[in-house]
């Protein structure tokens, strides 16, 4: 693991794991706002082939609203991306940026202990997949 994100290798296909991620983040207040099939877009726009990669735009509306009220610049960082990328036929990696690191871009937004707890919950959920 690195300082910017947390990662977990998971058995299953990209689509299966995307469903697992969507279900797993709900109990901690997150939901999926967007889904980008990144590999398909690269193929469509550039006729290049990359490994199957899906970017799930996730959001915790309560947290997003609280941060937005502190600085409307937070909208530049929403949604929080969770990337599901194929490693082999039945193994993927799930990656998510640490929310506390995203807030480092905004001087006017303080996450404090609340944000650290949200990050711990999100990391726990991703690592439990």
C-alpha atoms as a PDB file:
ATOM      1  CA  UNK A   1       0.000   0.000   0.000  1.00  0.00           C
ATOM      2  CA  UNK A   2       1.096   3.532  -0.597  1.00  0.00           C
ATOM      3  CA  UNK A   3       0.323   6.799   1.095  1.00  0.00           C
ATOM      4  CA  UNK A   4      -2.025   8.078  -1.613  1.00  0.00           C
ATOM      5  CA  UNK A   5      -4.392   5.125  -1.898  1.00  0.00           C
ATOM      6  CA  UNK A   6      -5.296   1.707  -0.643  1.00  0.00           C
ATOM      7  CA  UNK A   7      -5.516  -1.409  -2.810  1.00  0.00           C
ATOM      8  CA  UNK A   8      -6.773  -4.945  -2.608  1.00  0.00           C
ATOM      9  CA  UNK A   9      -6.493  -7.845  -5.029  1.00  0.00           C
ATOM     10  CA  UNK A  10      -9.816  -9.677  -5.276  1.00  0.00           C
ATOM     11  CA  UNK A  11     -10.890 -12.890  -6.981  1.00  0.00           C
ATOM     12  CA  UNK A  12     -13.647 -12.443  -9.529  1.00  0.00           C
ATOM     13  CA  UNK A  13     -14.360 -10.648 -12.782  1.00  0.00           C
ATOM     14  CA  UNK A  14     -14.404  -6.886 -13.092  1.00  0.00           C
ATOM     15  CA  UNK A  15     -18.210  -6.822 -13.252  1.00  0.00           C
ATOM     16  CA  UNK A  16     -18.603  -9.142 -10.250  1.00  0.00           C
ATOM     17  CA  UNK A  17     -16.224  -7.064  -8.152  1.00  0.00           C
ATOM     18  CA  UNK A  18     -17.888  -3.787  -9.206  1.00  0.00           C
ATOM     19  CA  UNK A  19     -21.153  -5.180  -7.844  1.00  0.00           C
ATOM     20  CA  UNK A  20     -19.407  -6.246  -4.617  1.00  0.00           C
ATOM     21  CA  UNK A  21     -17.879  -2.787  -4.210  1.00  0.00           C
ATOM     22  CA  UNK A  22     -21.228  -1.046  -4.737  1.00  0.00           C
ATOM     23  CA  UNK A  23     -22.887  -3.246  -2.111  1.00  0.00           C
ATOM     24  CA  UNK A  24     -19.979  -3.046   0.336  1.00  0.00           C
ATOM     25  CA  UNK A  25     -19.784   0.757   0.458  1.00  0.00           C
ATOM     26  CA  UNK A  26     -23.504   1.329   1.077  1.00  0.00           C
ATOM     27  CA  UNK A  27     -23.447   0.577   4.829  1.00  0.00           C
ATOM     28  CA  UNK A  28     -20.847   3.327   5.349  1.00  0.00           C
ATOM     29  CA  UNK A  29     -22.921   5.952   3.533  1.00  0.00           C
ATOM     30  CA  UNK A  30     -21.345   5.759   0.072  1.00  0.00           C
ATOM     31  CA  UNK A  31     -23.053   5.076  -3.226  1.00  0.00           C
ATOM     32  CA  UNK A  32     -22.039   4.857  -6.874  1.00  0.00           C
ATOM     33  CA  UNK A  33     -22.833   7.971  -8.932  1.00  0.00           C
ATOM     34  CA  UNK A  34     -21.029   7.068 -12.150  1.00  0.00           C
ATOM     35  CA  UNK A  35     -19.427   4.156 -13.929  1.00  0.00           C
ATOM     36  CA  UNK A  36     -16.842   4.622 -16.667  1.00  0.00           C
ATOM     37  CA  UNK A  37     -15.718   1.556 -18.589  1.00  0.00           C
ATOM     38  CA  UNK A  38     -12.320   3.149 -19.160  1.00  0.00           C
ATOM     39  CA  UNK A  39     -10.905   0.376 -21.351  1.00  0.00           C
ATOM     40  CA  UNK A  40     -13.910   0.645 -23.671  1.00  0.00           C
ATOM     41  CA  UNK A  41     -13.540   4.422 -23.950  1.00  0.00           C
ATOM     42  CA  UNK A  42      -9.845   4.077 -24.797  1.00  0.00           C
ATOM     43  CA  UNK A  43     -10.716   1.491 -27.471  1.00  0.00           C
ATOM     44  CA  UNK A  44     -13.514   3.700 -28.837  1.00  0.00           C
ATOM     45  CA  UNK A  45     -11.507   6.944 -28.911  1.00  0.00           C
ATOM     46  CA  UNK A  46      -7.965   5.728 -29.654  1.00  0.00           C
ATOM     47  CA  UNK A  47      -8.414   2.180 -30.949  1.00  0.00           C
ATOM     48  CA  UNK A  48      -5.960   1.034 -28.251  1.00  0.00           C
ATOM     49  CA  UNK A  49      -6.443  -1.976 -26.011  1.00  0.00           C
ATOM     50  CA  UNK A  50      -5.749  -1.862 -22.270  1.00  0.00           C
ATOM     51  CA  UNK A  51      -6.681  -4.208 -19.454  1.00  0.00           C
ATOM     52  CA  UNK A  52     -10.314  -4.152 -18.402  1.00  0.00           C
ATOM     53  CA  UNK A  53     -10.643  -1.110 -16.152  1.00  0.00           C
ATOM     54  CA  UNK A  54     -13.757   0.412 -14.584  1.00  0.00           C
ATOM     55  CA  UNK A  55     -13.807   3.698 -12.704  1.00  0.00           C
ATOM     56  CA  UNK A  56     -16.630   3.870 -10.177  1.00  0.00           C
ATOM     57  CA  UNK A  57     -17.464   7.400  -9.084  1.00  0.00           C
ATOM     58  CA  UNK A  58     -18.498   7.007  -5.456  1.00  0.00           C
ATOM     59  CA  UNK A  59     -19.835   9.565  -3.021  1.00  0.00           C
ATOM     60  CA  UNK A  60     -20.914   9.932   0.579  1.00  0.00           C
ATOM     61  CA  UNK A  61     -23.561  12.669   0.195  1.00  0.00           C
ATOM     62  CA  UNK A  62     -23.430  13.763   3.835  1.00  0.00           C
ATOM     63  CA  UNK A  63     -19.663  14.166   3.736  1.00  0.00           C
ATOM     64  CA  UNK A  64     -19.777  15.835   0.316  1.00  0.00           C
ATOM     65  CA  UNK A  65     -22.334  18.391   1.494  1.00  0.00           C
ATOM     66  CA  UNK A  66     -20.362  19.174   4.634  1.00  0.00           C
ATOM     67  CA  UNK A  67     -17.191  19.730   2.615  1.00  0.00           C
ATOM     68  CA  UNK A  68     -19.050  21.711  -0.092  1.00  0.00           C
ATOM     69  CA  UNK A  69     -20.401  24.088   2.542  1.00  0.00           C
ATOM     70  CA  UNK A  70     -16.822  24.778   3.622  1.00  0.00           C
ATOM     71  CA  UNK A  71     -15.594  25.345   0.055  1.00  0.00           C
ATOM     72  CA  UNK A  72     -17.405  24.953  -3.250  1.00  0.00           C
ATOM     73  CA  UNK A  73     -14.018  23.952  -4.716  1.00  0.00           C
ATOM     74  CA  UNK A  74     -14.658  20.494  -3.282  1.00  0.00           C
ATOM     75  CA  UNK A  75     -16.918  19.882  -6.279  1.00  0.00           C
ATOM     76  CA  UNK A  76     -13.712  19.594  -8.332  1.00  0.00           C
ATOM     77  CA  UNK A  77     -12.841  16.430  -6.391  1.00  0.00           C
ATOM     78  CA  UNK A  78     -16.239  14.732  -6.410  1.00  0.00           C
ATOM     79  CA  UNK A  79     -16.935  11.892  -6.966  1.00  0.00           C
ATOM     80  CA  UNK A  80     -14.291   9.814  -5.207  1.00  0.00           C
ATOM     81  CA  UNK A  81     -13.011   7.288  -7.720  1.00  0.00           C
ATOM     82  CA  UNK A  82     -12.737   3.607  -6.974  1.00  0.00           C
ATOM     83  CA  UNK A  83     -10.880   1.791  -9.742  1.00  0.00           C
ATOM     84  CA  UNK A  84     -11.467  -1.880 -10.510  1.00  0.00           C
ATOM     85  CA  UNK A  85      -8.807  -3.209 -12.890  1.00  0.00           C
ATOM     86  CA  UNK A  86      -8.370  -6.705 -14.299  1.00  0.00           C
ATOM     87  CA  UNK A  87      -5.082  -8.426 -13.467  1.00  0.00           C
ATOM     88  CA  UNK A  88      -5.931 -11.878 -14.840  1.00  0.00           C
ATOM     89  CA  UNK A  89      -9.113 -13.585 -16.047  1.00  0.00           C
ATOM     90  CA  UNK A  90     -10.500 -14.021 -12.527  1.00  0.00           C
ATOM     91  CA  UNK A  91      -8.459 -11.582 -10.468  1.00  0.00           C
ATOM     92  CA  UNK A  92      -8.792  -7.809 -10.191  1.00  0.00           C
ATOM     93  CA  UNK A  93      -7.317  -5.030  -8.114  1.00  0.00           C
ATOM     94  CA  UNK A  94      -9.530  -2.500  -6.367  1.00  0.00           C
ATOM     95  CA  UNK A  95      -7.945   0.896  -5.681  1.00  0.00           C
ATOM     96  CA  UNK A  96      -9.280   3.990  -3.933  1.00  0.00           C
ATOM     97  CA  UNK A  97      -7.649   7.308  -3.143  1.00  0.00           C
ATOM     98  CA  UNK A  98      -7.502   8.223   0.527  1.00  0.00           C
ATOM     99  CA  UNK A  99     -10.167  10.912   1.190  1.00  0.00           C
ATOM    100  CA  UNK A 100      -7.810  12.744   3.557  1.00  0.00           C
ATOM    101  CA  UNK A 101      -5.312  13.097   0.705  1.00  0.00           C
ATOM    102  CA  UNK A 102      -7.974  14.578  -1.564  1.00  0.00           C
ATOM    103  CA  UNK A 103      -8.722  17.261   1.000  1.00  0.00           C
ATOM    104  CA  UNK A 104      -5.044  18.240   1.082  1.00  0.00           C
ATOM    105  CA  UNK A 105      -5.756  20.045  -2.200  1.00  0.00           C
ATOM    106  CA  UNK A 106      -8.212  22.363  -0.445  1.00  0.00           C
ATOM    107  CA  UNK A 107      -6.940  24.706   2.246  1.00  0.00           C
ATOM    108  CA  UNK A 108     -10.442  25.859   3.275  1.00  0.00           C
ATOM    109  CA  UNK A 109     -11.825  22.403   4.032  1.00  0.00           C
ATOM    110  CA  UNK A 110     -11.068  20.716   7.309  1.00  0.00           C
ATOM    111  CA  UNK A 111     -11.847  17.042   7.577  1.00  0.00           C
ATOM    112  CA  UNK A 112     -10.416  16.399  11.014  1.00  0.00           C
ATOM    113  CA  UNK A 113     -11.243  13.267  12.972  1.00  0.00           C
ATOM    114  CA  UNK A 114     -14.510  12.813  11.079  1.00  0.00           C
ATOM    115  CA  UNK A 115     -12.689  12.505   7.751  1.00  0.00           C
ATOM    116  CA  UNK A 116     -10.104  10.165   9.252  1.00  0.00           C
ATOM    117  CA  UNK A 117     -12.929   7.909  10.463  1.00  0.00           C
ATOM    118  CA  UNK A 118     -14.570   7.939   7.031  1.00  0.00           C
ATOM    119  CA  UNK A 119     -11.241   7.004   5.478  1.00  0.00           C
ATOM    120  CA  UNK A 120     -10.769   4.150   7.941  1.00  0.00           C
ATOM    121  CA  UNK A 121     -14.268   2.863   7.165  1.00  0.00           C
ATOM    122  CA  UNK A 122     -13.693   3.034   3.414  1.00  0.00           C
ATOM    123  CA  UNK A 123     -10.312   1.357   3.708  1.00  0.00           C
ATOM    124  CA  UNK A 124     -11.748  -1.387   5.932  1.00  0.00           C
ATOM    125  CA  UNK A 125     -14.518  -2.064   3.420  1.00  0.00           C
ATOM    126  CA  UNK A 126     -12.158  -2.169   0.426  1.00  0.00           C
ATOM    127  CA  UNK A 127      -9.651  -4.398   2.215  1.00  0.00           C
ATOM    128  CA  UNK A 128     -12.449  -6.773   3.304  1.00  0.00           C
ATOM    129  CA  UNK A 129     -13.562  -7.519  -0.273  1.00  0.00           C
END
